[in-house]
Amino acid sequence: RPSGYTITFTGGMTKLKVNGQVVKDSAQLKDHDKIELGSHRFQ
């Protein structure tokens, strides 16, 4: 988006986490945020 990047959980059994916190809808992303989706991890 013009204001930045937003990550949205779109459903399923795999949990989405940003900085260790479960995201059930959407979260604004900031520099150096850690994203977890199942066993996969990204910064």
All heavy atoms as atom14 arrays in JSON, in Angstrom:
{
  "sequence": "RPSGYTITFTGGMTKLKVNGQVVKDSAQLKDHDKIELGSHRFQ",
  "atom14_mask": [
    [1, 1, 1, 1, 1, 1, 1, 1, 1, 1, 1, 0, 0, 0],
    [1, 1, 1, 1, 1, 1, 1, 0, 0, 0, 0, 0, 0, 0],
    [1, 1, 1, 1, 1, 1, 0, 0, 0, 0, 0, 0, 0, 0],
    [1, 1, 1, 1, 0, 0, 0, 0, 0, 0, 0, 0, 0, 0],
    [1, 1, 1, 1, 1, 1, 1, 1, 1, 1, 1, 1, 0, 0],
    [1, 1, 1, 1, 1, 1, 1, 0, 0, 0, 0, 0, 0, 0],
    [1, 1, 1, 1, 1, 1, 1, 1, 0, 0, 0, 0, 0, 0],
    [1, 1, 1, 1, 1, 1, 1, 0, 0, 0, 0, 0, 0, 0],
    [1, 1, 1, 1, 1, 1, 1, 1, 1, 1, 1, 0, 0, 0],
    [1, 1, 1, 1, 1, 1, 1, 0, 0, 0, 0, 0, 0, 0],
    [1, 1, 1, 1, 0, 0, 0, 0, 0, 0, 0, 0, 0, 0],
    [1, 1, 1, 1, 0, 0, 0, 0, 0, 0, 0, 0, 0, 0],
    [1, 1, 1, 1, 1, 1, 1, 1, 0, 0, 0, 0, 0, 0],
    [1, 1, 1, 1, 1, 1, 1, 0, 0, 0, 0, 0, 0, 0],
    [1, 1, 1, 1, 1, 1, 1, 1, 1, 0, 0, 0, 0, 0],
    [1, 1, 1, 1, 1, 1, 1, 1, 0, 0, 0, 0, 0, 0],
    [1, 1, 1, 1, 1, 1, 1, 1, 1, 0, 0, 0, 0, 0],
    [1, 1, 1, 1, 1, 1, 1, 0, 0, 0, 0, 0, 0, 0],
    [1, 1, 1, 1, 1, 1, 1, 1, 0, 0, 0, 0, 0, 0],
    [1, 1, 1, 1, 0, 0, 0, 0, 0, 0, 0, 0, 0, 0],
    [1, 1, 1, 1, 1, 1, 1, 1, 1, 0, 0, 0, 0, 0],
    [1, 1, 1, 1, 1, 1, 1, 0, 0, 0, 0, 0, 0, 0],
    [1, 1, 1, 1, 1, 1, 1, 0, 0, 0, 0, 0, 0, 0],
    [1, 1, 1, 1, 1, 1, 1, 1, 1, 0, 0, 0, 0, 0],
    [1, 1, 1, 1, 1, 1, 1, 1, 0, 0, 0, 0, 0, 0],
    [1, 1, 1, 1, 1, 1, 0, 0, 0, 0, 0, 0, 0, 0],
    [1, 1, 1, 1, 1, 0, 0, 0, 0, 0, 0, 0, 0, 0],
    [1, 1, 1, 1, 1, 1, 1, 1, 1, 0, 0, 0, 0, 0],
    [1, 1, 1, 1, 1, 1, 1, 1, 0, 0, 0, 0, 0, 0],
    [1, 1, 1, 1, 1, 1, 1, 1, 1, 0, 0, 0, 0, 0],
    [1, 1, 1, 1, 1, 1, 1, 1, 0, 0, 0, 0, 0, 0],
    [1, 1, 1, 1, 1, 1, 1, 1, 1, 1, 0, 0, 0, 0],
    [1, 1, 1, 1, 1, 1, 1, 1, 0, 0, 0, 0, 0, 0],
    [1, 1, 1, 1, 1, 1, 1, 1, 1, 0, 0, 0, 0, 0],
    [1, 1, 1, 1, 1, 1, 1, 1, 0, 0, 0, 0, 0, 0],
    [1, 1, 1, 1, 1, 1, 1, 1, 1, 0, 0, 0, 0, 0],
    [1, 1, 1, 1, 1, 1, 1, 1, 0, 0, 0, 0, 0, 0],
    [1, 1, 1, 1, 0, 0, 0, 0, 0, 0, 0, 0, 0, 0],
    [1, 1, 1, 1, 1, 1, 0, 0, 0, 0, 0, 0, 0, 0],
    [1, 1, 1, 1, 1, 1, 1, 1, 1, 1, 0, 0, 0, 0],
    [1, 1, 1, 1, 1, 1, 1, 1, 1, 1, 1, 0, 0, 0],
    [1, 1, 1, 1, 1, 1, 1, 1, 1, 1, 1, 0, 0, 0],
    [1, 1, 1, 1, 1, 1, 1, 1, 1, 0, 0, 0, 0, 0]
  ],
  "atom14_positions": [
    [[0.84, -1.19, 0.0], [0.0, 0.0, 0.0], [0.88, 1.25, 0.0], [2.06, 1.17, 0.36], [-0.9, 0.01, 1.24], [-1.65, -1.28, 1.47], [-2.42, -1.25, 2.77], [-3.09, -2.51, 3.03], [-3.83, -2.75, 4.1], [-3.99, -1.82, 5.01], [-4.42, -3.93, 4.26], [0.0, 0.0, 0.0], [0.0, 0.0, 0.0], [0.0, 0.0, 0.0]],
    [[0.32, 2.39, -0.35], [1.11, 3.63, -0.28], [1.62, 3.9, 1.12], [2.66, 4.53, 1.3], [0.1, 4.7, -0.73], [-0.85, 3.96, -1.61], [-0.99, 2.6, -1.0], [0.0, 0.0, 0.0], [0.0, 0.0, 0.0], [0.0, 0.0, 0.0], [0.0, 0.0, 0.0], [0.0, 0.0, 0.0], [0.0, 0.0, 0.0], [0.0, 0.0, 0.0]],
    [[0.9, 3.43, 2.14], [1.31, 3.67, 3.52], [2.27, 2.62, 4.05], [2.76, 2.73, 5.18], [0.07, 3.71, 4.43], [-0.63, 2.48, 4.36], [0.0, 0.0, 0.0], [0.0, 0.0, 0.0], [0.0, 0.0, 0.0], [0.0, 0.0, 0.0], [0.0, 0.0, 0.0], [0.0, 0.0, 0.0], [0.0, 0.0, 0.0], [0.0, 0.0, 0.0]],
    [[2.56, 1.57, 3.26], [3.46, 0.53, 3.72], [2.95, -0.86, 3.35], [2.18, -1.02, 2.4], [0.0, 0.0, 0.0], [0.0, 0.0, 0.0], [0.0, 0.0, 0.0], [0.0, 0.0, 0.0], [0.0, 0.0, 0.0], [0.0, 0.0, 0.0], [0.0, 0.0, 0.0], [0.0, 0.0, 0.0], [0.0, 0.0, 0.0], [0.0, 0.0, 0.0]],
    [[3.36, -1.85, 4.12], [3.01, -3.24, 3.85], [2.17, -3.8, 4.99], [2.45, -3.56, 6.16], [4.27, -4.09, 3.67], [5.01, -3.81, 2.38], [5.92, -2.76, 2.29], [4.81, -4.59, 1.25], [6.6, -2.49, 1.12], [5.49, -4.34, 0.06], [6.38, -3.3, 0.01], [7.05, -3.05, -1.16], [0.0, 0.0, 0.0], [0.0, 0.0, 0.0]],
    [[1.16, -4.61, 4.63], [0.29, -5.25, 5.61], [0.21, -6.73, 5.3], [0.03, -7.13, 4.14], [-1.12, -4.64, 5.57], [-1.04, -3.26, 5.92], [-2.04, -5.34, 6.56], [0.0, 0.0, 0.0], [0.0, 0.0, 0.0], [0.0, 0.0, 0.0], [0.0, 0.0, 0.0], [0.0, 0.0, 0.0], [0.0, 0.0, 0.0], [0.0, 0.0, 0.0]],
    [[0.35, -7.57, 6.33], [0.21, -9.01, 6.16], [-1.14, -9.44, 6.7], [-1.58, -8.97, 7.75], [1.37, -9.78, 6.83], [1.32, -11.26, 6.42], [1.36, -9.61, 8.35], [2.59, -12.02, 6.75], [0.0, 0.0, 0.0], [0.0, 0.0, 0.0], [0.0, 0.0, 0.0], [0.0, 0.0, 0.0], [0.0, 0.0, 0.0], [0.0, 0.0, 0.0]],
    [[-1.82, -10.33, 5.97], [-3.17, -10.78, 6.32], [-3.22, -12.29, 6.39], [-2.74, -12.98, 5.47], [-4.2, -10.28, 5.3], [-4.18, -8.86, 5.27], [-5.6, -10.75, 5.65], [0.0, 0.0, 0.0], [0.0, 0.0, 0.0], [0.0, 0.0, 0.0], [0.0, 0.0, 0.0], [0.0, 0.0, 0.0], [0.0, 0.0, 0.0], [0.0, 0.0, 0.0]],
    [[-3.77, -12.82, 7.47], [-4.0, -14.26, 7.58], [-5.22, -14.6, 6.76], [-6.28, -14.0, 6.91], [-4.22, -14.63, 9.05], [-4.56, -16.08, 9.27], [-3.62, -17.06, 9.03], [-5.82, -16.45, 9.72], [-3.93, -18.41, 9.23], [-6.14, -17.78, 9.93], [-5.19, -18.76, 9.68], [0.0, 0.0, 0.0], [0.0, 0.0, 0.0], [0.0, 0.0, 0.0]],
    [[-5.1, -15.57, 5.85], [-6.21, -15.89, 4.95], [-6.88, -17.21, 5.28], [-7.74, -17.67, 4.53], [-5.73, -15.9, 3.49], [-4.63, -16.81, 3.37], [-5.27, -14.52, 3.06], [0.0, 0.0, 0.0], [0.0, 0.0, 0.0], [0.0, 0.0, 0.0], [0.0, 0.0, 0.0], [0.0, 0.0, 0.0], [0.0, 0.0, 0.0], [0.0, 0.0, 0.0]],
    [[-6.52, -17.83, 6.4], [-7.21, -19.03, 6.83], [-6.35, -20.28, 6.74], [-5.25, -20.29, 6.19], [0.0, 0.0, 0.0], [0.0, 0.0, 0.0], [0.0, 0.0, 0.0], [0.0, 0.0, 0.0], [0.0, 0.0, 0.0], [0.0, 0.0, 0.0], [0.0, 0.0, 0.0], [0.0, 0.0, 0.0], [0.0, 0.0, 0.0], [0.0, 0.0, 0.0]],
    [[-6.87, -21.37, 7.31], [-6.14, -22.63, 7.3], [-5.65, -23.01, 8.68], [-5.88, -22.32, 9.67], [0.0, 0.0, 0.0], [0.0, 0.0, 0.0], [0.0, 0.0, 0.0], [0.0, 0.0, 0.0], [0.0, 0.0, 0.0], [0.0, 0.0, 0.0], [0.0, 0.0, 0.0], [0.0, 0.0, 0.0], [0.0, 0.0, 0.0], [0.0, 0.0, 0.0]],
    [[-4.96, -24.14, 8.77], [-4.5, -24.69, 10.05], [-3.14, -24.17, 10.48], [-2.75, -24.31, 11.64], [-4.48, -26.22, 9.98], [-5.84, -26.84, 9.69], [-5.78, -28.64, 9.57], [-5.34, -29.07, 11.26], [0.0, 0.0, 0.0], [0.0, 0.0, 0.0], [0.0, 0.0, 0.0], [0.0, 0.0, 0.0], [0.0, 0.0, 0.0], [0.0, 0.0, 0.0]],
    [[-2.39, -23.58, 9.55], [-1.07, -23.06, 9.88], [-1.19, -21.67, 10.5], [-1.82, -20.78, 9.93], [-0.19, -22.97, 8.61], [-0.12, -24.27, 8.02], [1.2, -22.5, 8.96], [0.0, 0.0, 0.0], [0.0, 0.0, 0.0], [0.0, 0.0, 0.0], [0.0, 0.0, 0.0], [0.0, 0.0, 0.0], [0.0, 0.0, 0.0], [0.0, 0.0, 0.0]],
    [[-0.6, -21.46, 11.66], [-0.67, -20.18, 12.35], [0.29, -19.16, 11.73], [1.39, -19.5, 11.32], [-0.35, -20.33, 13.83], [-1.43, -21.06, 14.63], [-1.08, -21.09, 16.11], [-2.17, -21.77, 16.91], [-1.85, -21.83, 18.36], [0.0, 0.0, 0.0], [0.0, 0.0, 0.0], [0.0, 0.0, 0.0], [0.0, 0.0, 0.0], [0.0, 0.0, 0.0]],
    [[-0.18, -17.92, 11.67], [0.66, -16.8, 11.24], [1.06, -16.02, 12.49], [0.21, -15.65, 13.29], [-0.09, -15.9, 10.27], [0.56, -14.55, 9.95], [1.87, -14.74, 9.19], [-0.4, -13.65, 9.16], [0.0, 0.0, 0.0], [0.0, 0.0, 0.0], [0.0, 0.0, 0.0], [0.0, 0.0, 0.0], [0.0, 0.0, 0.0], [0.0, 0.0, 0.0]],
    [[2.36, -15.77, 12.64], [2.86, -15.0, 13.78], [3.76, -13.87, 13.29], [4.52, -14.04, 12.33], [3.65, -15.88, 14.76], [2.84, -16.97, 15.44], [3.71, -17.76, 16.41], [2.93, -18.86, 17.1], [3.77, -19.64, 18.04], [0.0, 0.0, 0.0], [0.0, 0.0, 0.0], [0.0, 0.0, 0.0], [0.0, 0.0, 0.0], [0.0, 0.0, 0.0]],
    [[3.64, -12.72, 13.94], [4.55, -11.59, 13.7], [5.17, -11.24, 15.04], [4.46, -10.9, 15.99], [3.82, -10.38, 13.1], [4.77, -9.2, 12.98], [3.23, -10.72, 11.74], [0.0, 0.0, 0.0], [0.0, 0.0, 0.0], [0.0, 0.0, 0.0], [0.0, 0.0, 0.0], [0.0, 0.0, 0.0], [0.0, 0.0, 0.0], [0.0, 0.0, 0.0]],
    [[6.49, -11.36, 15.12], [7.22, -11.13, 16.38], [6.67, -11.98, 17.52], [6.54, -11.53, 18.65], [7.19, -9.65, 16.76], [7.85, -8.78, 15.71], [8.81, -9.19, 15.06], [7.34, -7.56, 15.52], [0.0, 0.0, 0.0], [0.0, 0.0, 0.0], [0.0, 0.0, 0.0], [0.0, 0.0, 0.0], [0.0, 0.0, 0.0], [0.0, 0.0, 0.0]],
    [[6.31, -13.22, 17.19], [5.85, -14.17, 18.2], [4.38, -14.06, 18.54], [3.86, -14.91, 19.27], [0.0, 0.0, 0.0], [0.0, 0.0, 0.0], [0.0, 0.0, 0.0], [0.0, 0.0, 0.0], [0.0, 0.0, 0.0], [0.0, 0.0, 0.0], [0.0, 0.0, 0.0], [0.0, 0.0, 0.0], [0.0, 0.0, 0.0], [0.0, 0.0, 0.0]],
    [[3.68, -13.06, 18.02], [2.26, -12.86, 18.32], [1.41, -13.41, 17.17], [1.66, -13.12, 16.01], [1.95, -11.37, 18.51], [2.72, -10.73, 19.67], [2.34, -11.31, 21.01], [1.15, -11.48, 21.31], [3.34, -11.61, 21.82], [0.0, 0.0, 0.0], [0.0, 0.0, 0.0], [0.0, 0.0, 0.0], [0.0, 0.0, 0.0], [0.0, 0.0, 0.0]],
    [[0.4, -14.21, 17.53], [-0.48, -14.79, 16.52], [-1.32, -13.69, 15.87], [-1.91, -12.85, 16.54], [-1.41, -15.87, 17.13], [-2.41, -16.39, 16.1], [-0.59, -17.02, 17.69], [0.0, 0.0, 0.0], [0.0, 0.0, 0.0], [0.0, 0.0, 0.0], [0.0, 0.0, 0.0], [0.0, 0.0, 0.0], [0.0, 0.0, 0.0], [0.0, 0.0, 0.0]],
    [[-1.36, -13.71, 14.54], [-2.16, -12.74, 13.77], [-3.36, -13.48, 13.19], [-3.2, -14.41, 12.39], [-1.33, -12.11, 12.64], [-2.21, -11.19, 11.78], [-0.15, -11.34, 13.21], [0.0, 0.0, 0.0], [0.0, 0.0, 0.0], [0.0, 0.0, 0.0], [0.0, 0.0, 0.0], [0.0, 0.0, 0.0], [0.0, 0.0, 0.0], [0.0, 0.0, 0.0]],
    [[-4.56, -13.07, 13.61], [-5.78, -13.73, 13.13], [-6.46, -12.95, 12.02], [-7.37, -13.46, 11.37], [-6.75, -13.94, 14.29], [-6.24, -14.92, 15.34], [-7.28, -15.17, 16.41], [-6.79, -16.19, 17.42], [-7.79, -16.45, 18.49], [0.0, 0.0, 0.0], [0.0, 0.0, 0.0], [0.0, 0.0, 0.0], [0.0, 0.0, 0.0], [0.0, 0.0, 0.0]],
    [[-6.07, -11.68, 11.82], [-6.63, -10.9, 10.72], [-5.5, -10.22, 9.95], [-4.93, -10.81, 9.06], [-7.66, -9.88, 11.23], [-7.25, -9.23, 12.54], [-6.16, -8.65, 12.59], [-8.02, -9.3, 13.5], [0.0, 0.0, 0.0], [0.0, 0.0, 0.0], [0.0, 0.0, 0.0], [0.0, 0.0, 0.0], [0.0, 0.0, 0.0], [0.0, 0.0, 0.0]],
    [[-5.15, -8.98, 10.29], [-4.09, -8.27, 9.57], [-3.16, -7.55, 10.54], [-3.55, -7.23, 11.66], [-4.69, -7.24, 8.6], [-5.5, -7.87, 7.63], [0.0, 0.0, 0.0], [0.0, 0.0, 0.0], [0.0, 0.0, 0.0], [0.0, 0.0, 0.0], [0.0, 0.0, 0.0], [0.0, 0.0, 0.0], [0.0, 0.0, 0.0], [0.0, 0.0, 0.0]],
    [[-1.93, -7.29, 10.08], [-0.95, -6.56, 10.89], [-0.06, -5.73, 9.97], [0.36, -6.2, 8.91], [-0.09, -7.51, 11.72], [0.0, 0.0, 0.0], [0.0, 0.0, 0.0], [0.0, 0.0, 0.0], [0.0, 0.0, 0.0], [0.0, 0.0, 0.0], [0.0, 0.0, 0.0], [0.0, 0.0, 0.0], [0.0, 0.0, 0.0], [0.0, 0.0, 0.0]],
    [[0.18, -4.47, 10.37], [1.08, -3.59, 9.63], [2.51, -4.06, 9.88], [2.9, -4.33, 11.03], [0.9, -2.15, 10.1], [1.71, -1.13, 9.33], [1.04, -0.71, 8.04], [-0.15, -0.89, 7.88], [1.81, -0.15, 7.12], [0.0, 0.0, 0.0], [0.0, 0.0, 0.0], [0.0, 0.0, 0.0], [0.0, 0.0, 0.0], [0.0, 0.0, 0.0]],
    [[3.3, -4.17, 8.82], [4.68, -4.63, 8.96], [5.64, -3.46, 9.12], [5.5, -2.43, 8.47], [5.08, -5.46, 7.74], [4.38, -6.83, 7.6], [4.77, -7.48, 6.29], [4.72, -7.73, 8.78], [0.0, 0.0, 0.0], [0.0, 0.0, 0.0], [0.0, 0.0, 0.0], [0.0, 0.0, 0.0], [0.0, 0.0, 0.0], [0.0, 0.0, 0.0]],
    [[6.63, -3.66, 9.99], [7.66, -2.66, 10.24], [9.03, -3.3, 9.98], [9.17, -4.53, 10.02], [7.58, -2.14, 11.68], [6.23, -1.56, 12.06], [6.22, -1.06, 13.49], [6.46, -2.17, 14.5], [5.36, -3.16, 14.48], [0.0, 0.0, 0.0], [0.0, 0.0, 0.0], [0.0, 0.0, 0.0], [0.0, 0.0, 0.0], [0.0, 0.0, 0.0]],
    [[10.03, -2.46, 9.73], [11.38, -2.97, 9.51], [11.81, -3.89, 10.64], [11.59, -3.59, 11.82], [12.37, -1.81, 9.39], [12.48, -1.31, 7.96], [12.07, -2.04, 7.04], [12.97, -0.19, 7.75], [0.0, 0.0, 0.0], [0.0, 0.0, 0.0], [0.0, 0.0, 0.0], [0.0, 0.0, 0.0], [0.0, 0.0, 0.0], [0.0, 0.0, 0.0]],
    [[12.4, -5.03, 10.25], [12.98, -6.03, 11.15], [11.93, -6.89, 11.86], [12.27, -7.66, 12.76], [13.9, -5.37, 12.2], [14.89, -4.43, 11.61], [15.8, -4.82, 10.65], [15.11, -3.1, 11.82], [16.55, -3.78, 10.3], [16.13, -2.72, 10.99], [0.0, 0.0, 0.0], [0.0, 0.0, 0.0], [0.0, 0.0, 0.0], [0.0, 0.0, 0.0]],
    [[10.64, -6.78, 11.45], [9.63, -7.7, 11.99], [9.97, -9.13, 11.58], [10.42, -9.38, 10.45], [8.24, -7.35, 11.46], [7.57, -6.24, 12.24], [8.11, -5.86, 13.3], [6.5, -5.76, 11.81], [0.0, 0.0, 0.0], [0.0, 0.0, 0.0], [0.0, 0.0, 0.0], [0.0, 0.0, 0.0], [0.0, 0.0, 0.0], [0.0, 0.0, 0.0]],
    [[9.73, -10.07, 12.49], [9.95, -11.49, 12.19], [8.6, -12.15, 11.94], [7.68, -12.05, 12.76], [10.7, -12.17, 13.34], [12.15, -11.75, 13.44], [12.89, -12.49, 14.54], [14.39, -12.2, 14.49], [14.7, -10.77, 14.62], [0.0, 0.0, 0.0], [0.0, 0.0, 0.0], [0.0, 0.0, 0.0], [0.0, 0.0, 0.0], [0.0, 0.0, 0.0]],
    [[8.48, -12.82, 10.81], [7.24, -13.46, 10.38], [7.42, -14.97, 10.44], [8.42, -15.51, 9.95], [6.87, -13.04, 8.95], [6.64, -11.52, 8.89], [5.64, -13.79, 8.45], [6.54, -10.99, 7.47], [0.0, 0.0, 0.0], [0.0, 0.0, 0.0], [0.0, 0.0, 0.0], [0.0, 0.0, 0.0], [0.0, 0.0, 0.0], [0.0, 0.0, 0.0]],
    [[6.46, -15.66, 11.05], [6.46, -17.12, 11.11], [5.18, -17.64, 10.48], [4.09, -17.18, 10.78], [6.54, -17.61, 12.56], [7.81, -17.23, 13.29], [7.78, -17.68, 14.74], [7.58, -18.89, 14.98], [7.92, -16.82, 15.63], [0.0, 0.0, 0.0], [0.0, 0.0, 0.0], [0.0, 0.0, 0.0], [0.0, 0.0, 0.0], [0.0, 0.0, 0.0]],
    [[5.32, -18.62, 9.61], [4.19, -19.29, 8.99], [4.5, -20.78, 9.0], [5.26, -21.27, 8.18], [3.97, -18.78, 7.58], [2.61, -19.01, 6.92], [1.48, -18.46, 7.79], [2.54, -18.37, 5.56], [0.0, 0.0, 0.0], [0.0, 0.0, 0.0], [0.0, 0.0, 0.0], [0.0, 0.0, 0.0], [0.0, 0.0, 0.0], [0.0, 0.0, 0.0]],
    [[3.93, -21.46, 10.0], [4.32, -22.85, 10.21], [5.78, -22.91, 10.63], [6.21, -22.2, 11.54], [0.0, 0.0, 0.0], [0.0, 0.0, 0.0], [0.0, 0.0, 0.0], [0.0, 0.0, 0.0], [0.0, 0.0, 0.0], [0.0, 0.0, 0.0], [0.0, 0.0, 0.0], [0.0, 0.0, 0.0], [0.0, 0.0, 0.0], [0.0, 0.0, 0.0]],
    [[6.56, -23.74, 9.95], [7.99, -23.88, 10.28], [8.86, -22.88, 9.52], [10.07, -22.84, 9.71], [8.46, -25.3, 9.95], [8.29, -25.58, 8.58], [0.0, 0.0, 0.0], [0.0, 0.0, 0.0], [0.0, 0.0, 0.0], [0.0, 0.0, 0.0], [0.0, 0.0, 0.0], [0.0, 0.0, 0.0], [0.0, 0.0, 0.0], [0.0, 0.0, 0.0]],
    [[8.24, -22.06, 8.69], [8.99, -21.11, 7.88], [9.1, -19.76, 8.6], [8.12, -19.26, 9.14], [8.32, -20.91, 6.52], [8.21, -22.17, 5.73], [9.22, -22.64, 4.92], [7.21, -23.09, 5.65], [8.85, -23.78, 4.35], [7.63, -24.07, 4.78], [0.0, 0.0, 0.0], [0.0, 0.0, 0.0], [0.0, 0.0, 0.0], [0.0, 0.0, 0.0]],
    [[10.3, -19.18, 8.59], [10.54, -17.91, 9.28], [11.2, -16.92, 8.32], [12.09, -17.28, 7.55], [11.42, -18.13, 10.51], [10.78, -19.01, 11.57], [11.63, -19.09, 12.83], [12.95, -19.63, 12.55], [14.09, -19.02, 12.85], [14.08, -17.84, 13.46], [15.26, -19.58, 12.57], [0.0, 0.0, 0.0], [0.0, 0.0, 0.0], [0.0, 0.0, 0.0]],
    [[10.77, -15.67, 8.41], [11.3, -14.61, 7.56], [11.51, -13.36, 8.4], [10.87, -13.16, 9.43], [10.34, -14.27, 6.41], [9.98, -15.43, 5.53], [8.92, -16.26, 5.85], [10.7, -15.69, 4.38], [8.57, -17.33, 5.05], [10.37, -16.76, 3.56], [9.3, -17.58, 3.89], [0.0, 0.0, 0.0], [0.0, 0.0, 0.0], [0.0, 0.0, 0.0]],
    [[12.39, -12.49, 7.92], [12.5, -11.15, 8.49], [12.12, -10.15, 7.41], [12.59, -10.22, 6.28], [13.91, -10.86, 8.99], [14.01, -9.5, 9.7], [15.37, -9.28, 10.34], [16.39, -9.34, 9.65], [15.4, -9.02, 11.63], [0.0, 0.0, 0.0], [0.0, 0.0, 0.0], [0.0, 0.0, 0.0], [0.0, 0.0, 0.0], [0.0, 0.0, 0.0]]
  ]
}
